[in-house]
Amino acid sequence: MTAGTITITGDEDAMEQAAYDLAVAVAYEGLIIQGYSEEDAADESLESVDADDFVIDSDEFGEPIEITDFEDSTGMPLAVVTVNEGGSWYVSTIMTGLNMGLSSVTGTNTRPVGEVIESTPADSPEALGLQIVDGSLELINYFSGDSSADFEALFQSFSEAERRILSIYAIPAIEENGPSGSGQSLSFSVDGGFESFEYGGKTMILPDDLRLEAEGDAIIFDGYCFSPEGGQSSCLTEFNAFNELGLDELGLVVVQEDGGWLFSPFETVEIVLSTAAEHYLELRDAGELDKLLQE
């Protein structure tokens, strides 16, 4: 955006109250988790949050903000990232936020322009799991110094939204820095596979007796557990919070796209957060948040 103004209006009192209420609620939840009673948590959270911290400057509220003033104060123009999907253009809030974050870190205005790498869909969810493993091993070899390793293979197993971000931000950075390390390719072997299941209307995968061997050492992945071959197993389900939040029912979300199956990190994170939030509220309403801290 190179010219114009932005005006933010609304009910000042309501906005101040909403911000204050949110801060109190966050403080309250933290105290409940620590074991406070509901009454003590309510009193303490009200005492710990100062309403004056959320007062809006009435002199500036509702006044037009010049687009050029934003660039003068931040050193960067006000910009949004747009993407082309299905022949039409849309604003991407995720990529806009990412772009603003990167620009603030680098101190330069990042211009996200580029082509999205092609996908390599798998024939089945289980086959996709092995494809992700193979792609991960290629990426490891590339970073170990093997310039012939196909580091893009892993990213080609991702769904379109994730591939777009990786194509614009990650892949150019990897190519610019190049491979590092000894330059020797590690020797891997893969046995076993993945299982697929349905949860919450989504298809998910988890490793099923998956054995990875590298340079004579092997690790077994099975469900939420892993172990060195012949050694003691460690499992995420050993943590009570993992089970109480319902995460022991989830896996990696895979989607049908481009005529096959691809991995969706975004949808995986989405269902993990929504499931954890749902179970957290159930525990809170039942007064059983202490279960999250039990071993």
Protein backbone atom coordinates (compact mmCIF):
# COMPACT_ATOMS: atom_id res chain seq x y z
CA MET A 1 0.00 0.00 0.00
CA THR A 2 1.58 3.26 -1.08
CA ALA A 3 -1.04 5.91 -0.28
CA GLY A 4 -4.25 6.51 1.64
CA THR A 5 -5.39 6.38 5.26
CA ILE A 6 -6.61 3.79 7.76
CA THR A 7 -9.16 4.71 10.42
CA ILE A 8 -9.89 2.42 13.38
CA THR A 9 -13.15 3.13 15.17
CA GLY A 10 -15.32 1.40 17.73
CA ASP A 11 -16.60 1.55 21.28
CA GLU A 12 -13.58 2.61 23.36
CA ASP A 13 -15.05 1.46 26.66
CA ALA A 14 -16.00 -1.93 25.23
CA MET A 15 -12.55 -2.42 23.71
CA GLU A 16 -10.81 -1.51 26.97
CA GLN A 17 -13.10 -3.83 28.93
CA ALA A 18 -12.56 -6.70 26.49
CA ALA A 19 -8.78 -6.38 26.71
CA TYR A 20 -8.93 -6.21 30.51
CA ASP A 21 -11.26 -9.22 30.74
CA LEU A 22 -8.95 -11.26 28.52
CA ALA A 23 -5.92 -10.47 30.70
CA VAL A 24 -7.85 -11.42 33.85
CA ALA A 25 -9.04 -14.67 32.24
CA VAL A 26 -5.49 -15.64 31.25
CA ALA A 27 -4.24 -14.93 34.76
CA TYR A 28 -7.14 -16.91 36.25
CA GLU A 29 -6.48 -19.99 34.10
CA GLY A 30 -2.79 -19.93 35.05
CA LEU A 31 -3.64 -19.87 38.75
CA ILE A 32 -6.19 -22.68 38.39
CA ILE A 33 -3.52 -24.87 36.78
CA GLN A 34 -1.21 -24.09 39.70
CA GLY A 35 -3.80 -25.54 42.08
CA TYR A 36 -5.59 -22.41 43.34
CA SER A 37 -9.23 -22.78 44.28
CA GLU A 38 -11.70 -21.03 41.99
CA GLU A 39 -12.39 -18.36 44.61
CA ASP A 40 -8.71 -17.67 45.33
CA ALA A 41 -7.86 -17.68 41.61
CA ALA A 42 -10.63 -15.17 40.91
CA ASP A 43 -9.46 -12.83 43.69
CA GLU A 44 -5.78 -13.09 42.80
CA SER A 45 -6.33 -12.58 39.07
CA LEU A 46 -8.38 -9.42 39.69
CA GLU A 47 -5.65 -8.06 41.97
CA SER A 48 -2.81 -8.87 39.56
CA VAL A 49 -4.27 -7.10 36.50
CA ASP A 50 -4.41 -3.30 36.38
CA ALA A 51 -7.27 -1.88 34.28
CA ASP A 52 -5.23 1.29 33.68
CA ASP A 53 -2.87 -0.72 31.49
CA PHE A 54 -5.65 -1.07 28.90
CA VAL A 55 -6.83 2.54 28.62
CA ILE A 56 -7.03 3.75 25.01
CA ASP A 57 -5.69 7.21 24.14
CA SER A 58 -8.89 9.06 23.21
CA ASP A 59 -7.00 11.80 21.39
CA GLU A 60 -5.64 9.35 18.81
CA PHE A 61 -8.48 6.83 18.67
CA GLY A 62 -10.53 7.20 15.50
CA GLU A 63 -8.04 9.54 13.86
CA PRO A 64 -6.98 8.66 10.28
CA ILE A 65 -3.53 7.09 10.03
CA GLU A 66 -1.57 7.97 6.92
CA ILE A 67 -0.11 4.95 5.12
CA THR A 68 3.13 6.88 4.69
CA ASP A 69 3.31 7.47 8.46
CA PHE A 70 3.32 3.69 9.01
CA GLU A 71 6.37 3.30 6.78
CA ASP A 72 8.11 6.27 8.38
CA SER A 73 7.63 4.84 11.89
CA THR A 74 8.43 1.20 11.10
CA GLY A 75 10.83 1.49 8.20
CA MET A 76 8.65 -0.85 6.16
CA PRO A 77 5.61 -0.26 3.95
CA LEU A 78 2.21 -1.57 5.01
CA ALA A 79 1.76 -4.67 2.89
CA VAL A 80 -0.41 -7.78 2.63
CA VAL A 81 0.50 -11.02 0.86
CA THR A 82 -1.87 -12.27 -1.82
CA VAL A 83 -1.98 -15.75 -3.35
CA ASN A 84 -3.48 -17.15 -6.52
CA GLU A 85 -5.77 -20.12 -5.93
CA GLY A 86 -8.08 -21.55 -8.53
CA GLY A 87 -7.45 -18.63 -10.87
CA SER A 88 -8.47 -15.99 -8.31
CA TRP A 89 -6.47 -13.84 -5.88
CA TYR A 90 -6.92 -13.90 -2.10
CA VAL A 91 -5.24 -12.27 0.90
CA SER A 92 -3.29 -14.79 3.02
CA THR A 93 -3.38 -13.74 6.67
CA ILE A 94 -0.82 -16.39 7.64
CA MET A 95 1.68 -15.38 4.98
CA THR A 96 1.09 -11.69 5.70
CA GLY A 97 1.92 -12.25 9.36
CA LEU A 98 4.93 -14.38 8.49
CA ASN A 99 6.16 -11.79 6.02
CA MET A 100 5.82 -8.98 8.55
CA GLY A 101 7.68 -11.05 11.14
CA LEU A 102 10.55 -11.84 8.80
CA SER A 103 10.74 -8.25 7.63
CA SER A 104 10.97 -6.99 11.21
CA VAL A 105 13.72 -9.51 12.01
CA THR A 106 15.81 -8.81 8.91
CA GLY A 107 15.10 -5.09 8.87
CA THR A 108 14.28 -5.23 5.18
CA ASN A 109 11.02 -5.45 3.28
CA THR A 110 10.69 -9.09 2.25
CA ARG A 111 8.91 -9.55 -1.08
CA PRO A 112 7.32 -13.01 -1.19
CA VAL A 113 7.37 -13.83 -4.89
CA GLY A 114 7.92 -17.27 -6.38
CA GLU A 115 6.52 -20.44 -7.88
CA VAL A 116 5.09 -23.21 -5.70
CA ILE A 117 6.99 -26.49 -6.04
CA GLU A 118 5.06 -29.39 -7.51
CA SER A 119 3.54 -31.96 -5.19
CA THR A 120 4.30 -35.68 -5.20
CA PRO A 121 1.09 -37.27 -3.90
CA ALA A 122 1.21 -40.81 -2.51
CA ASP A 123 -1.22 -43.54 -3.50
CA SER A 124 -2.37 -44.13 0.10
CA PRO A 125 -2.04 -42.57 3.58
CA GLU A 126 0.29 -45.40 4.63
CA ALA A 127 2.50 -44.90 1.56
CA LEU A 128 2.62 -41.18 2.32
CA GLY A 129 4.05 -41.92 5.76
CA LEU A 130 6.99 -43.77 4.23
CA GLN A 131 7.37 -41.03 1.63
CA ILE A 132 7.67 -38.44 4.43
CA VAL A 133 10.34 -40.57 6.11
CA ASP A 134 12.31 -40.92 2.87
CA GLY A 135 12.06 -37.17 2.26
CA SER A 136 13.23 -36.42 5.81
CA LEU A 137 16.27 -38.64 5.31
CA GLU A 138 17.09 -36.83 2.06
CA LEU A 139 16.93 -33.52 3.92
CA ILE A 140 19.22 -34.85 6.66
CA ASN A 141 21.74 -35.99 4.06
CA TYR A 142 21.63 -32.61 2.34
CA PHE A 143 22.39 -30.80 5.59
CA SER A 144 25.13 -33.37 6.24
CA GLY A 145 26.86 -32.08 3.12
CA ASP A 146 25.52 -34.30 0.34
CA SER A 147 24.70 -31.78 -2.39
CA SER A 148 23.11 -34.52 -4.51
CA ALA A 149 20.44 -35.24 -1.89
CA ASP A 150 16.93 -34.18 -2.93
CA PHE A 151 16.05 -31.87 -0.04
CA GLU A 152 12.81 -30.79 -1.76
CA ALA A 153 11.41 -34.34 -1.63
CA LEU A 154 10.04 -33.87 1.88
CA PHE A 155 8.35 -30.57 1.01
CA GLN A 156 6.72 -32.13 -2.06
CA SER A 157 4.79 -34.41 0.30
CA PHE A 158 3.06 -31.38 1.88
CA SER A 159 -0.29 -29.93 0.89
CA GLU A 160 -0.44 -26.76 -1.20
CA ALA A 161 -0.67 -24.12 1.55
CA GLU A 162 2.46 -25.41 3.27
CA ARG A 163 4.33 -25.89 -0.01
CA ARG A 164 3.64 -22.28 -0.91
CA ILE A 165 5.25 -20.97 2.29
CA LEU A 166 8.21 -23.34 1.98
CA SER A 167 8.69 -22.47 -1.70
CA ILE A 168 8.85 -18.75 -1.00
CA TYR A 169 10.73 -18.64 2.29
CA ALA A 170 12.48 -21.93 3.15
CA ILE A 171 13.72 -23.35 -0.14
CA PRO A 172 15.47 -20.16 -1.35
CA ALA A 173 17.23 -19.88 2.04
CA ILE A 174 18.34 -23.52 1.89
CA GLU A 175 19.61 -23.11 -1.66
CA GLU A 176 21.46 -19.91 -0.79
CA ASN A 177 23.26 -21.44 2.19
CA GLY A 178 23.92 -24.74 0.44
CA PRO A 179 24.79 -28.05 2.07
CA SER A 180 27.12 -28.12 5.07
CA GLY A 181 28.84 -30.78 7.12
CA SER A 182 31.29 -33.49 6.13
CA GLY A 183 29.94 -33.99 2.62
CA GLN A 184 29.40 -37.68 3.25
CA SER A 185 25.98 -39.21 2.73
CA LEU A 186 24.64 -41.28 5.63
CA SER A 187 23.39 -44.77 4.85
CA PHE A 188 19.81 -45.38 5.98
CA SER A 189 17.46 -48.34 5.76
CA VAL A 190 13.73 -48.28 6.48
CA ASP A 191 11.48 -51.19 7.41
CA GLY A 192 7.92 -51.39 8.68
CA GLY A 193 5.36 -48.76 7.85
CA PHE A 194 2.42 -46.64 8.95
CA GLU A 195 -1.18 -47.22 9.96
CA SER A 196 -4.06 -44.91 9.07
CA PHE A 197 -7.22 -44.14 11.02
CA GLU A 198 -10.08 -41.64 11.14
CA TYR A 199 -10.68 -39.09 13.89
CA GLY A 200 -12.85 -35.99 13.90
CA GLY A 201 -13.62 -36.38 10.20
CA LYS A 202 -9.92 -36.37 9.29
CA THR A 203 -7.59 -39.12 8.10
CA MET A 204 -4.47 -39.54 10.22
CA ILE A 205 -1.34 -41.68 10.22
CA LEU A 206 1.04 -42.97 12.87
CA PRO A 207 4.16 -45.16 12.58
CA ASP A 208 3.50 -48.87 12.87
CA ASP A 209 6.60 -50.82 13.93
CA LEU A 210 8.72 -48.48 11.80
CA ARG A 211 12.44 -49.33 11.96
CA LEU A 212 15.09 -46.82 10.94
CA GLU A 213 18.71 -47.91 10.76
CA ALA A 214 21.66 -45.58 10.18
CA GLU A 215 25.32 -46.56 10.34
CA GLY A 216 24.50 -49.76 12.25
CA ASP A 217 22.20 -48.19 14.87
CA ALA A 218 18.44 -48.71 14.72
CA ILE A 219 15.43 -46.98 16.28
CA ILE A 220 11.90 -48.37 16.38
CA PHE A 221 8.90 -46.03 16.13
CA ASP A 222 5.48 -47.44 16.98
CA GLY A 223 2.49 -45.20 17.56
CA TYR A 224 3.48 -42.65 20.18
CA CYS A 225 6.53 -44.67 21.28
CA PHE A 226 10.14 -44.99 20.17
CA SER A 227 13.07 -47.04 21.39
CA PRO A 228 16.59 -48.01 20.38
CA GLU A 229 16.46 -51.55 19.02
CA GLY A 230 16.62 -53.91 21.97
CA GLY A 231 16.39 -51.00 24.43
CA GLN A 232 13.74 -49.50 26.66
CA SER A 233 10.79 -47.80 25.00
CA SER A 234 9.80 -44.18 25.68
CA CYS A 235 6.25 -43.03 24.97
CA LEU A 236 4.43 -39.73 24.87
CA THR A 237 1.56 -41.52 26.58
CA GLU A 238 3.74 -41.75 29.70
CA PHE A 239 2.89 -38.09 30.28
CA ASN A 240 -0.52 -37.77 31.89
CA ALA A 241 -1.20 -34.37 30.30
CA PHE A 242 -0.75 -35.89 26.85
CA ASN A 243 -3.55 -38.37 27.53
CA GLU A 244 -5.84 -36.05 29.49
CA LEU A 245 -5.80 -33.49 26.66
CA GLY A 246 -6.87 -36.17 24.19
CA LEU A 247 -3.64 -36.08 22.19
CA ASP A 248 -3.32 -39.86 22.46
CA GLU A 249 -6.16 -40.10 19.93
CA LEU A 250 -4.44 -38.06 17.21
CA GLY A 251 -1.84 -38.48 14.49
CA LEU A 252 -0.50 -36.62 11.47
CA VAL A 253 -3.35 -35.30 9.31
CA VAL A 254 -3.21 -36.33 5.64
CA VAL A 255 -5.47 -34.96 2.92
CA GLN A 256 -6.51 -35.94 -0.59
CA GLU A 257 -5.10 -33.42 -3.03
CA ASP A 258 -3.69 -33.46 -6.57
CA GLY A 259 -4.99 -36.98 -7.15
CA GLY A 260 -3.35 -38.58 -4.12
CA TRP A 261 -2.45 -38.12 -0.45
CA LEU A 262 -0.40 -35.27 1.05
CA PHE A 263 0.58 -34.24 4.59
CA SER A 264 -1.04 -31.13 6.08
CA PRO A 265 0.93 -29.62 9.00
CA PHE A 266 -1.63 -26.80 9.27
CA GLU A 267 -4.55 -29.19 9.75
CA THR A 268 -2.48 -31.28 12.15
CA VAL A 269 -1.77 -28.25 14.35
CA GLU A 270 -5.39 -27.14 14.08
CA ILE A 271 -6.88 -30.39 15.38
CA VAL A 272 -4.21 -30.73 18.07
CA LEU A 273 -5.03 -27.27 19.44
CA SER A 274 -8.82 -27.68 19.18
CA THR A 275 -8.75 -31.14 20.81
CA ALA A 276 -6.47 -29.98 23.61
CA ALA A 277 -8.65 -26.90 24.24
CA GLU A 278 -11.83 -28.99 24.33
CA HIS A 279 -10.40 -31.46 26.85
CA TYR A 280 -8.87 -28.64 28.91
CA LEU A 281 -12.26 -26.96 29.30
CA GLU A 282 -13.86 -30.26 30.27
CA LEU A 283 -11.22 -30.78 32.97
CA ARG A 284 -11.61 -27.21 34.20
CA ASP A 285 -15.40 -27.48 34.43
CA ALA A 286 -15.00 -30.74 36.36
CA GLY A 287 -12.42 -29.18 38.70
CA GLU A 288 -9.83 -31.75 37.59
CA LEU A 289 -7.07 -29.57 36.08
CA ASP A 290 -4.67 -31.05 38.63
CA LYS A 291 -4.65 -34.20 36.44
CA LEU A 292 -2.51 -32.30 33.94
CA LEU A 293 0.29 -32.08 36.49
CA GLN A 294 0.08 -35.69 37.67
CA GLU A 295 2.87 -38.04 36.61
